[in-house]
Amino acid sequence: MLTISGAIRDAIVAHARRDHPDEACGVVAGAFGSDRPTRHVPMVNAAMSPTFYEFDSGDLLRLYREMDDRDEEPVVIYHSHTATEAYPSRTDVNLASEPNAHYVLVSTRDGAHESGPVDFRSYRIVDGEVTEEEVSIVERYPDVTPDDVPDPKRESA
């Protein structure tokens, strides 16, 4: 099960809406081994495509170095689908290289990029096998103060 704060979920959805009609992509880092997504890092889709996403290799290298320095790992790797459901494509499955990560997909199809509910789903993808998992949205993590949870308004500025 993915447990994620409402603020981070909202930041991911806002990013997906902002980048529509292109796919949005990003990472939510967390302390190594914690399985707790705490630091939202929106990335640029280097492919600038409505049907494919690609992290910029330089940005990704910098992010991984930064996470290493902070003793973090990618807890969530996310992207949006702009015209299809929030389910991993064959390409998504083939690119999934972090066996401990939660792969979140957000669908902004059918006007969801403007308003209303979006399809927000999480998967584990290990050795090509896709398993959907429950998503639990929490106001804050039990042992974290409200100041530790990122403000999506600050993140998008």
Foldseek 3Di string as FASTA:
>chain_A
DQEAAPQLVVLQLLQCLVLPPAKWWWFFKDAPPPLYRARTDTADQPVSHNADGDGDPVVVVVVVVVCVVVNIDGQEIEMEHEADAFDDDQVNLVPDDDQNHKYWYWYCYPPVSPHDDIHIWTWGRDPSDTDTDDYHYDNDDPPDDPVRHDHSVVVVD
